Amino acid sequence: MNQTRCTWCGNDPLYMNYHDNEWGVPVFDDHLLFEFLVLETFQAGLSWITILRKRENFRVAFDNFDYQKIVTYDEAKYEALLQDSGIIRNRLKIKATIANAQNFIKIQQEFGSFSHYIWQFVEGTPIQNNWKEMNQVPATTTLSDTISKAMKKRGFKFVGSTVIYAYMQAIGLVNDHISSCFRHASIKHQQ
């Protein structure tokens, strides 16, 4: 079936599958919200396809993105992660993931779930954009600036506005599929 897609996924089957089944779909599950936060943290400065290709390696290395386990990581686990060639071996990003797990749990304790916290920024309803071309899609918005500042204030690392906007797109806070993409309308009607 030849469907019109956002051009960024090209013809790569892994990218197309992510585009068709995950990107822009509203996520309310805290475990998956944390997974995307970890992946977006590591994506900073790299291409998303690089992260997607290593996603399963990240899943194994970070105990299935279990933030309850990640907060217990000691120096030995940190050093093991630095030696793991299956992931992006960046000291600051690994440390950020551990710190972000701690802050994620603090938010859960305060708001009942991370989902409640992150979705409050859009009042529980995804922003529906109607871009005609991919070059119209912004890298940051006033809202991503706001969320970035709020998360930094709570101690999160690697959550600059560009990372946060990509996170918003990934978890469906915003629907940035171009209007001609077959997923644009179907995601819009999932609300």
N, C-alpha and C. Protein backbone atom coordinates (compact mmCIF):
# COMPACT_ATOMS: atom_id res chain seq x y z
N MET A 1 0.84 -1.17 0.00
CA MET A 1 0.00 0.00 0.00
C MET A 1 0.89 1.24 0.00
N ASN A 2 0.68 2.12 -0.95
CA ASN A 2 1.51 3.32 -1.08
C ASN A 2 0.78 4.50 -0.47
N GLN A 3 1.18 4.84 0.78
CA GLN A 3 0.53 5.93 1.49
C GLN A 3 1.45 7.13 1.58
N THR A 4 0.85 8.31 1.66
CA THR A 4 1.64 9.52 1.82
C THR A 4 2.05 9.63 3.28
N ARG A 5 3.36 9.79 3.48
CA ARG A 5 3.92 9.92 4.83
C ARG A 5 4.70 11.22 4.94
N CYS A 6 5.01 11.59 6.18
CA CYS A 6 5.94 12.68 6.40
C CYS A 6 7.27 12.27 5.78
N THR A 7 7.91 13.20 5.12
CA THR A 7 9.11 12.85 4.35
C THR A 7 10.30 12.44 5.21
N TRP A 8 10.33 12.83 6.49
CA TRP A 8 11.51 12.55 7.31
C TRP A 8 11.78 11.07 7.50
N CYS A 9 10.77 10.22 7.37
CA CYS A 9 11.02 8.79 7.60
C CYS A 9 11.57 8.08 6.36
N GLY A 10 11.56 8.76 5.21
CA GLY A 10 12.14 8.16 4.00
C GLY A 10 11.59 6.79 3.70
N ASN A 11 12.48 5.87 3.27
CA ASN A 11 12.08 4.51 2.93
C ASN A 11 12.63 3.46 3.89
N ASP A 12 13.23 3.90 4.99
CA ASP A 12 13.79 2.98 5.96
C ASP A 12 12.65 2.29 6.72
N PRO A 13 12.57 0.95 6.65
CA PRO A 13 11.46 0.24 7.30
C PRO A 13 11.33 0.52 8.80
N LEU A 14 12.45 0.65 9.50
CA LEU A 14 12.41 0.94 10.94
C LEU A 14 11.81 2.33 11.18
N TYR A 15 12.27 3.28 10.40
CA TYR A 15 11.77 4.66 10.50
C TYR A 15 10.29 4.73 10.13
N MET A 16 9.92 4.03 9.05
CA MET A 16 8.52 4.04 8.60
C MET A 16 7.61 3.41 9.66
N ASN A 17 8.05 2.32 10.28
CA ASN A 17 7.26 1.67 11.32
C ASN A 17 7.07 2.60 12.52
N TYR A 18 8.15 3.28 12.92
CA TYR A 18 8.07 4.24 14.02
C TYR A 18 7.09 5.37 13.67
N HIS A 19 7.24 5.91 12.48
CA HIS A 19 6.35 6.98 12.01
C HIS A 19 4.89 6.53 12.00
N ASP A 20 4.65 5.34 11.46
CA ASP A 20 3.27 4.86 11.27
C ASP A 20 2.59 4.45 12.58
N ASN A 21 3.37 3.96 13.53
CA ASN A 21 2.76 3.36 14.73
C ASN A 21 3.02 4.07 16.06
N GLU A 22 4.02 4.96 16.10
CA GLU A 22 4.34 5.58 17.39
C GLU A 22 4.37 7.10 17.37
N TRP A 23 5.01 7.69 16.38
CA TRP A 23 5.24 9.14 16.39
C TRP A 23 3.93 9.91 16.40
N GLY A 24 3.74 10.72 17.41
CA GLY A 24 2.55 11.56 17.49
C GLY A 24 1.36 10.90 18.16
N VAL A 25 1.45 9.61 18.47
CA VAL A 25 0.35 8.92 19.14
C VAL A 25 0.40 9.30 20.63
N PRO A 26 -0.70 9.82 21.18
CA PRO A 26 -0.70 10.23 22.59
C PRO A 26 -0.33 9.09 23.53
N VAL A 27 0.67 9.35 24.38
CA VAL A 27 1.16 8.37 25.36
C VAL A 27 0.80 8.86 26.76
N PHE A 28 0.15 7.99 27.52
CA PHE A 28 -0.24 8.33 28.89
C PHE A 28 0.39 7.39 29.91
N ASP A 29 1.05 6.35 29.43
CA ASP A 29 1.68 5.35 30.29
C ASP A 29 3.04 5.87 30.77
N ASP A 30 3.23 5.94 32.10
CA ASP A 30 4.47 6.48 32.64
C ASP A 30 5.71 5.71 32.19
N HIS A 31 5.61 4.41 32.06
CA HIS A 31 6.77 3.62 31.65
C HIS A 31 7.22 4.04 30.24
N LEU A 32 6.27 4.17 29.33
CA LEU A 32 6.60 4.56 27.96
C LEU A 32 7.03 6.03 27.90
N LEU A 33 6.43 6.87 28.73
CA LEU A 33 6.85 8.28 28.79
C LEU A 33 8.31 8.38 29.23
N PHE A 34 8.71 7.53 30.18
CA PHE A 34 10.10 7.55 30.62
C PHE A 34 11.01 7.01 29.52
N GLU A 35 10.60 5.95 28.85
CA GLU A 35 11.41 5.41 27.75
C GLU A 35 11.70 6.49 26.72
N PHE A 36 10.67 7.22 26.29
CA PHE A 36 10.89 8.28 25.30
C PHE A 36 11.78 9.39 25.86
N LEU A 37 11.66 9.68 27.14
CA LEU A 37 12.51 10.70 27.74
C LEU A 37 13.98 10.27 27.68
N VAL A 38 14.24 9.00 27.97
CA VAL A 38 15.61 8.47 27.88
C VAL A 38 16.11 8.55 26.44
N LEU A 39 15.31 8.08 25.52
CA LEU A 39 15.73 8.06 24.11
C LEU A 39 15.97 9.47 23.58
N GLU A 40 15.09 10.41 23.93
CA GLU A 40 15.28 11.80 23.48
C GLU A 40 16.52 12.42 24.11
N THR A 41 16.81 12.06 25.36
CA THR A 41 18.03 12.54 26.03
C THR A 41 19.26 12.11 25.24
N PHE A 42 19.29 10.86 24.85
CA PHE A 42 20.45 10.35 24.11
C PHE A 42 20.47 10.85 22.67
N GLN A 43 19.31 11.23 22.15
CA GLN A 43 19.24 11.71 20.78
C GLN A 43 19.84 13.10 20.62
N ALA A 44 19.90 13.87 21.69
CA ALA A 44 20.41 15.25 21.61
C ALA A 44 21.71 15.30 20.82
N GLY A 45 21.69 16.04 19.72
CA GLY A 45 22.88 16.20 18.88
C GLY A 45 23.09 15.09 17.87
N LEU A 46 22.21 14.08 17.87
CA LEU A 46 22.33 12.95 16.94
C LEU A 46 21.05 12.81 16.14
N SER A 47 21.05 11.91 15.17
CA SER A 47 19.83 11.68 14.39
C SER A 47 18.95 10.67 15.11
N TRP A 48 17.64 10.81 14.93
CA TRP A 48 16.69 9.92 15.58
C TRP A 48 16.85 8.48 15.09
N ILE A 49 17.20 8.30 13.82
CA ILE A 49 17.36 6.93 13.30
C ILE A 49 18.51 6.22 14.03
N THR A 50 19.55 6.95 14.41
CA THR A 50 20.65 6.36 15.18
C THR A 50 20.12 5.78 16.48
N ILE A 51 19.24 6.52 17.14
CA ILE A 51 18.67 6.08 18.41
C ILE A 51 17.72 4.91 18.18
N LEU A 52 16.88 5.01 17.15
CA LEU A 52 15.94 3.91 16.87
C LEU A 52 16.68 2.60 16.62
N ARG A 53 17.79 2.67 15.90
CA ARG A 53 18.55 1.45 15.61
C ARG A 53 19.17 0.84 16.86
N LYS A 54 19.38 1.66 17.89
CA LYS A 54 19.96 1.18 19.15
C LYS A 54 18.91 1.01 20.24
N ARG A 55 17.65 1.23 19.93
CA ARG A 55 16.60 1.23 20.94
C ARG A 55 16.57 -0.04 21.78
N GLU A 56 16.67 -1.19 21.12
CA GLU A 56 16.62 -2.46 21.87
C GLU A 56 17.86 -2.63 22.74
N ASN A 57 19.00 -2.12 22.28
CA ASN A 57 20.21 -2.15 23.10
C ASN A 57 20.03 -1.27 24.34
N PHE A 58 19.41 -0.10 24.15
CA PHE A 58 19.11 0.77 25.29
C PHE A 58 18.17 0.07 26.26
N ARG A 59 17.18 -0.63 25.70
CA ARG A 59 16.20 -1.34 26.54
C ARG A 59 16.90 -2.35 27.45
N VAL A 60 17.84 -3.10 26.89
CA VAL A 60 18.60 -4.09 27.68
C VAL A 60 19.52 -3.39 28.68
N ALA A 61 20.26 -2.41 28.21
CA ALA A 61 21.25 -1.72 29.06
C ALA A 61 20.60 -1.02 30.24
N PHE A 62 19.41 -0.45 30.02
CA PHE A 62 18.73 0.32 31.07
C PHE A 62 17.54 -0.45 31.67
N ASP A 63 17.71 -1.77 31.81
CA ASP A 63 16.72 -2.59 32.51
C ASP A 63 15.28 -2.31 32.06
N ASN A 64 15.06 -2.36 30.76
CA ASN A 64 13.73 -2.15 30.19
C ASN A 64 13.17 -0.78 30.57
N PHE A 65 14.05 0.21 30.71
CA PHE A 65 13.67 1.58 31.05
C PHE A 65 12.91 1.65 32.38
N ASP A 66 13.28 0.77 33.30
CA ASP A 66 12.64 0.72 34.61
C ASP A 66 13.27 1.79 35.51
N TYR A 67 12.61 2.92 35.63
CA TYR A 67 13.17 4.04 36.40
C TYR A 67 13.37 3.69 37.87
N GLN A 68 12.58 2.73 38.40
CA GLN A 68 12.78 2.30 39.79
C GLN A 68 14.14 1.61 39.96
N LYS A 69 14.57 0.87 38.93
CA LYS A 69 15.89 0.23 38.97
C LYS A 69 16.99 1.24 38.66
N ILE A 70 16.72 2.11 37.71
CA ILE A 70 17.75 3.06 37.26
C ILE A 70 18.20 3.97 38.42
N VAL A 71 17.27 4.34 39.30
CA VAL A 71 17.66 5.21 40.42
C VAL A 71 18.63 4.52 41.38
N THR A 72 18.70 3.19 41.31
CA THR A 72 19.60 2.45 42.21
C THR A 72 20.97 2.19 41.58
N TYR A 73 21.18 2.65 40.34
CA TYR A 73 22.45 2.39 39.68
C TYR A 73 23.61 2.95 40.49
N ASP A 74 24.62 2.11 40.68
CA ASP A 74 25.81 2.53 41.40
C ASP A 74 26.95 2.80 40.41
N GLU A 75 28.12 3.07 40.94
CA GLU A 75 29.27 3.40 40.10
C GLU A 75 29.65 2.24 39.17
N ALA A 76 29.50 1.01 39.65
CA ALA A 76 29.83 -0.16 38.82
C ALA A 76 28.89 -0.25 37.61
N LYS A 77 27.61 0.00 37.83
CA LYS A 77 26.64 -0.04 36.72
C LYS A 77 26.92 1.11 35.75
N TYR A 78 27.22 2.27 36.29
CA TYR A 78 27.56 3.43 35.46
C TYR A 78 28.77 3.11 34.58
N GLU A 79 29.81 2.53 35.16
CA GLU A 79 31.01 2.16 34.40
C GLU A 79 30.69 1.10 33.34
N ALA A 80 29.82 0.15 33.69
CA ALA A 80 29.41 -0.87 32.73
C ALA A 80 28.69 -0.24 31.54
N LEU A 81 27.84 0.74 31.81
CA LEU A 81 27.14 1.44 30.72
C LEU A 81 28.12 2.17 29.82
N LEU A 82 29.16 2.74 30.41
CA LEU A 82 30.17 3.44 29.61
C LEU A 82 30.92 2.49 28.68
N GLN A 83 30.95 1.22 29.03
CA GLN A 83 31.65 0.22 28.20
C GLN A 83 30.71 -0.46 27.20
N ASP A 84 29.43 -0.18 27.27
CA ASP A 84 28.43 -0.86 26.43
C ASP A 84 28.39 -0.24 25.04
N SER A 85 28.99 -0.93 24.08
CA SER A 85 29.06 -0.40 22.71
C SER A 85 27.71 -0.41 21.99
N GLY A 86 26.71 -1.02 22.58
CA GLY A 86 25.38 -1.07 21.96
C GLY A 86 24.58 0.21 22.14
N ILE A 87 25.05 1.07 23.06
CA ILE A 87 24.34 2.33 23.30
C ILE A 87 25.25 3.51 22.96
N ILE A 88 24.77 4.72 23.16
CA ILE A 88 25.59 5.91 23.00
C ILE A 88 26.34 6.08 24.33
N ARG A 89 27.66 5.97 24.28
CA ARG A 89 28.45 6.01 25.52
C ARG A 89 28.86 7.44 25.84
N ASN A 90 27.93 8.17 26.35
CA ASN A 90 28.16 9.56 26.71
C ASN A 90 27.98 9.71 28.22
N ARG A 91 29.06 10.06 28.90
CA ARG A 91 29.04 10.15 30.36
C ARG A 91 27.91 11.03 30.88
N LEU A 92 27.78 12.22 30.30
CA LEU A 92 26.78 13.17 30.78
C LEU A 92 25.36 12.67 30.55
N LYS A 93 25.14 12.01 29.43
CA LYS A 93 23.79 11.51 29.13
C LYS A 93 23.43 10.32 30.02
N ILE A 94 24.41 9.50 30.34
CA ILE A 94 24.16 8.37 31.26
C ILE A 94 23.84 8.91 32.65
N LYS A 95 24.64 9.87 33.11
CA LYS A 95 24.38 10.47 34.43
C LYS A 95 23.02 11.18 34.42
N ALA A 96 22.70 11.84 33.32
CA ALA A 96 21.42 12.54 33.20
C ALA A 96 20.26 11.55 33.30
N THR A 97 20.40 10.38 32.71
CA THR A 97 19.33 9.38 32.75
C THR A 97 19.07 8.93 34.18
N ILE A 98 20.13 8.76 34.95
CA ILE A 98 19.97 8.36 36.36
C ILE A 98 19.30 9.49 37.15
N ALA A 99 19.77 10.72 36.95
CA ALA A 99 19.18 11.88 37.64
C ALA A 99 17.72 12.07 37.21
N ASN A 100 17.46 11.89 35.91
CA ASN A 100 16.10 12.07 35.41
C ASN A 100 15.15 11.03 35.98
N ALA A 101 15.64 9.82 36.22
CA ALA A 101 14.80 8.78 36.84
C ALA A 101 14.40 9.22 38.24
N GLN A 102 15.34 9.79 38.97
CA GLN A 102 15.04 10.28 40.33
C GLN A 102 13.99 11.39 40.28
N ASN A 103 14.15 12.32 39.36
CA ASN A 103 13.20 13.43 39.25
C ASN A 103 11.85 12.98 38.72
N PHE A 104 11.86 11.98 37.87
CA PHE A 104 10.62 11.39 37.32
C PHE A 104 9.78 10.84 38.48
N ILE A 105 10.44 10.12 39.39
CA ILE A 105 9.75 9.53 40.56
C ILE A 105 9.22 10.63 41.48
N LYS A 106 10.00 11.70 41.67
CA LYS A 106 9.54 12.82 42.49
C LYS A 106 8.26 13.43 41.90
N ILE A 107 8.23 13.56 40.59
CA ILE A 107 7.03 14.10 39.93
C ILE A 107 5.85 13.15 40.12
N GLN A 108 6.08 11.86 40.00
CA GLN A 108 5.01 10.89 40.23
C GLN A 108 4.44 11.05 41.64
N GLN A 109 5.33 11.21 42.60
CA GLN A 109 4.88 11.35 43.99
C GLN A 109 4.06 12.63 44.18
N GLU A 110 4.45 13.68 43.49
CA GLU A 110 3.75 14.96 43.63
C GLU A 110 2.44 15.03 42.85
N PHE A 111 2.43 14.48 41.63
CA PHE A 111 1.28 14.63 40.74
C PHE A 111 0.45 13.36 40.58
N GLY A 112 0.90 12.25 41.19
CA GLY A 112 0.19 10.98 41.04
C GLY A 112 0.73 10.17 39.89
N SER A 113 1.21 10.84 38.85
CA SER A 113 1.87 10.19 37.71
C SER A 113 2.62 11.25 36.92
N PHE A 114 3.61 10.81 36.17
CA PHE A 114 4.30 11.75 35.29
C PHE A 114 3.36 12.18 34.18
N SER A 115 2.49 11.28 33.77
CA SER A 115 1.51 11.58 32.73
C SER A 115 0.66 12.80 33.12
N HIS A 116 0.17 12.83 34.35
CA HIS A 116 -0.61 13.98 34.80
C HIS A 116 0.19 15.27 34.69
N TYR A 117 1.47 15.17 35.08
CA TYR A 117 2.34 16.35 35.04
C TYR A 117 2.54 16.85 33.61
N ILE A 118 2.96 15.97 32.71
CA ILE A 118 3.33 16.41 31.36
C ILE A 118 2.11 16.83 30.54
N TRP A 119 0.99 16.14 30.73
CA TRP A 119 -0.21 16.45 29.94
C TRP A 119 -0.91 17.71 30.42
N GLN A 120 -0.61 18.18 31.64
CA GLN A 120 -1.22 19.42 32.11
C GLN A 120 -0.80 20.61 31.23
N PHE A 121 0.37 20.50 30.61
CA PHE A 121 0.87 21.60 29.79
C PHE A 121 0.01 21.85 28.55
N VAL A 122 -0.76 20.84 28.14
CA VAL A 122 -1.68 21.00 26.99
C VAL A 122 -3.13 20.77 27.44
N GLU A 123 -3.34 20.85 28.76
CA GLU A 123 -4.67 20.65 29.34
C GLU A 123 -5.28 19.32 28.93
N GLY A 124 -4.41 18.31 28.76
CA GLY A 124 -4.87 16.95 28.47
C GLY A 124 -5.26 16.70 27.03
N THR A 125 -5.14 17.71 26.17
CA THR A 125 -5.55 17.56 24.77
C THR A 125 -4.40 17.89 23.84
N PRO A 126 -4.04 16.96 22.94
CA PRO A 126 -2.93 17.22 22.01
C PRO A 126 -3.17 18.45 21.14
N ILE A 127 -2.10 19.17 20.88
CA ILE A 127 -2.13 20.30 19.95
C ILE A 127 -2.18 19.72 18.54
N GLN A 128 -3.12 20.16 17.74
CA GLN A 128 -3.28 19.66 16.38
C GLN A 128 -2.78 20.71 15.39
N ASN A 129 -1.59 20.47 14.86
CA ASN A 129 -1.07 21.38 13.84
C ASN A 129 -1.50 20.91 12.46
N ASN A 130 -1.45 21.80 11.51
CA ASN A 130 -1.85 21.48 10.13
C ASN A 130 -0.80 21.97 9.15
N TRP A 131 0.41 21.46 9.34
CA TRP A 131 1.51 21.85 8.46
C TRP A 131 1.32 21.24 7.08
N LYS A 132 1.63 22.02 6.06
CA LYS A 132 1.55 21.50 4.68
C LYS A 132 2.88 20.84 4.28
N GLU A 133 3.98 21.38 4.78
CA GLU A 133 5.32 20.90 4.43
C GLU A 133 6.14 20.68 5.71
N MET A 134 7.07 19.75 5.64
CA MET A 134 7.91 19.46 6.82
C MET A 134 8.75 20.66 7.24
N ASN A 135 9.12 21.51 6.28
CA ASN A 135 9.95 22.66 6.64
C ASN A 135 9.18 23.71 7.45
N GLN A 136 7.87 23.54 7.59
CA GLN A 136 7.07 24.44 8.43
C GLN A 136 7.10 24.01 9.90
N VAL A 137 7.46 22.75 10.14
CA VAL A 137 7.44 22.21 11.50
C VAL A 137 8.59 22.84 12.30
N PRO A 138 8.26 23.46 13.44
CA PRO A 138 9.31 24.13 14.22
C PRO A 138 10.19 23.15 14.99
N ALA A 139 11.36 23.62 15.39
CA ALA A 139 12.25 22.81 16.24
C ALA A 139 11.95 23.08 17.71
N THR A 140 11.41 24.26 17.99
CA THR A 140 11.01 24.65 19.34
C THR A 140 9.77 25.52 19.23
N THR A 141 9.05 25.64 20.35
CA THR A 141 7.91 26.55 20.43
C THR A 141 7.95 27.23 21.80
N THR A 142 7.10 28.18 21.99
CA THR A 142 6.98 28.83 23.29
C THR A 142 6.64 27.79 24.36
N LEU A 143 5.78 26.84 23.99
CA LEU A 143 5.40 25.80 24.95
C LEU A 143 6.58 24.88 25.29
N SER A 144 7.37 24.50 24.28
CA SER A 144 8.54 23.66 24.59
C SER A 144 9.54 24.43 25.46
N ASP A 145 9.63 25.74 25.25
CA ASP A 145 10.47 26.58 26.13
C ASP A 145 9.97 26.51 27.57
N THR A 146 8.66 26.63 27.73
CA THR A 146 8.03 26.61 29.06
C THR A 146 8.25 25.28 29.76
N ILE A 147 8.00 24.16 29.03
CA ILE A 147 8.17 22.83 29.62
C ILE A 147 9.64 22.59 29.97
N SER A 148 10.53 23.00 29.07
CA SER A 148 11.97 22.84 29.30
C SER A 148 12.38 23.54 30.59
N LYS A 149 11.95 24.79 30.74
CA LYS A 149 12.31 25.56 31.95
C LYS A 149 11.73 24.89 33.20
N ALA A 150 10.49 24.44 33.11
CA ALA A 150 9.84 23.80 34.27
C ALA A 150 10.57 22.52 34.66
N MET A 151 10.99 21.72 33.68
CA MET A 151 11.68 20.47 33.98
C MET A 151 13.10 20.72 34.49
N LYS A 152 13.78 21.71 33.92
CA LYS A 152 15.12 22.06 34.41
C LYS A 152 15.05 22.51 35.87
N LYS A 153 14.03 23.27 36.18
CA LYS A 153 13.85 23.76 37.55
C LYS A 153 13.68 22.59 38.52
N ARG A 154 13.13 21.48 38.02
CA ARG A 154 12.93 20.29 38.84
C ARG A 154 14.15 19.36 38.81
N GLY A 155 15.23 19.80 38.16
CA GLY A 155 16.48 19.04 38.19
C GLY A 155 16.73 18.13 37.00
N PHE A 156 15.85 18.12 36.01
CA PHE A 156 16.05 17.27 34.83
C PHE A 156 17.21 17.81 34.00
N LYS A 157 17.94 16.89 33.36
CA LYS A 157 19.08 17.23 32.53
C LYS A 157 18.80 16.85 31.07
N PHE A 158 19.47 17.54 30.15
CA PHE A 158 19.31 17.31 28.71
C PHE A 158 17.85 17.49 28.29
N VAL A 159 17.22 18.52 28.83
CA VAL A 159 15.83 18.79 28.49
C VAL A 159 15.69 20.22 27.95
N GLY A 160 16.61 20.58 27.06
CA GLY A 160 16.51 21.87 26.39
C GLY A 160 15.25 21.91 25.52
N SER A 161 14.91 23.07 25.05
CA SER A 161 13.66 23.25 24.31
C SER A 161 13.57 22.36 23.06
N THR A 162 14.68 22.18 22.35
CA THR A 162 14.66 21.34 21.14
C THR A 162 14.39 19.87 21.50
N VAL A 163 15.04 19.38 22.55
CA VAL A 163 14.81 18.01 23.02
C VAL A 163 13.35 17.86 23.47
N ILE A 164 12.86 18.85 24.21
CA ILE A 164 11.49 18.78 24.71
C ILE A 164 10.48 18.83 23.56
N TYR A 165 10.74 19.63 22.53
CA TYR A 165 9.79 19.65 21.41
C TYR A 165 9.76 18.30 20.70
N ALA A 166 10.93 17.70 20.52
CA ALA A 166 10.97 16.35 19.92
C ALA A 166 10.23 15.35 20.81
N TYR A 167 10.37 15.51 22.12
CA TYR A 167 9.65 14.66 23.08
C TYR A 167 8.14 14.87 22.95
N MET A 168 7.73 16.12 22.85
CA MET A 168 6.31 16.43 22.68
C MET A 168 5.74 15.75 21.42
N GLN A 169 6.53 15.77 20.35
CA GLN A 169 6.10 15.13 19.10
C GLN A 169 6.02 13.62 19.29
N ALA A 170 7.02 13.05 19.93
CA ALA A 170 7.09 11.59 20.11
C ALA A 170 5.92 11.06 20.94
N ILE A 171 5.57 11.80 22.00
CA ILE A 171 4.53 11.30 22.93
C ILE A 171 3.15 11.83 22.61
N GLY A 172 3.02 12.58 21.51
CA GLY A 172 1.70 13.00 21.06
C GLY A 172 1.13 14.23 21.74
N LEU A 173 1.93 14.98 22.48
CA LEU A 173 1.43 16.25 23.01
C LEU A 173 1.10 17.18 21.85
N VAL A 174 1.78 16.95 20.75
CA VAL A 174 1.54 17.73 19.53
C VAL A 174 1.50 16.76 18.35
N ASN A 175 0.56 16.99 17.44
CA ASN A 175 0.47 16.20 16.21
C ASN A 175 1.12 17.02 15.10
N ASP A 176 2.35 16.65 14.76
CA ASP A 176 3.09 17.37 13.73
C ASP A 176 3.20 16.59 12.42
N HIS A 177 2.36 15.56 12.24
CA HIS A 177 2.31 14.93 10.93
C HIS A 177 1.79 15.99 9.95
N ILE A 178 2.40 16.08 8.78
CA ILE A 178 1.91 17.05 7.81
C ILE A 178 0.48 16.66 7.40
N SER A 179 -0.29 17.62 6.98
CA SER A 179 -1.72 17.40 6.75
C SER A 179 -2.00 16.36 5.66
N SER A 180 -1.07 16.18 4.72
CA SER A 180 -1.27 15.18 3.66
C SER A 180 -0.86 13.78 4.09
N CYS A 181 -0.20 13.64 5.24
CA CYS A 181 0.24 12.34 5.73
C CYS A 181 -0.97 11.53 6.19
N PHE A 182 -0.97 10.25 5.88
CA PHE A 182 -2.12 9.41 6.24
C PHE A 182 -2.34 9.31 7.74
N ARG A 183 -1.28 9.56 8.54
CA ARG A 183 -1.42 9.47 10.01
C ARG A 183 -1.99 10.74 10.64
N HIS A 184 -1.93 11.85 9.94
CA HIS A 184 -2.40 13.11 10.52
C HIS A 184 -3.84 13.02 10.99
N ALA A 185 -4.74 12.64 10.11
CA ALA A 185 -6.17 12.58 10.47
C ALA A 185 -6.46 11.45 11.46
N SER A 186 -5.81 10.29 11.27
CA SER A 186 -6.11 9.17 12.17
C SER A 186 -5.69 9.46 13.61
N ILE A 187 -4.56 10.16 13.79
CA ILE A 187 -4.13 10.53 15.14
C ILE A 187 -5.05 11.61 15.69
N LYS A 188 -5.44 12.55 14.83
CA LYS A 188 -6.34 13.62 15.26
C LYS A 188 -7.65 13.06 15.81
N HIS A 189 -8.12 11.96 15.22
CA HIS A 189 -9.40 11.40 15.63
C HIS A 189 -9.27 10.38 16.76
N GLN A 190 -8.03 10.12 17.22
CA GLN A 190 -7.84 9.18 18.32
C GLN A 190 -8.17 9.80 19.67
N GLN A 191 -8.29 11.11 19.70
CA GLN A 191 -8.55 11.79 20.98
C GLN A 191 -9.86 11.36 21.59
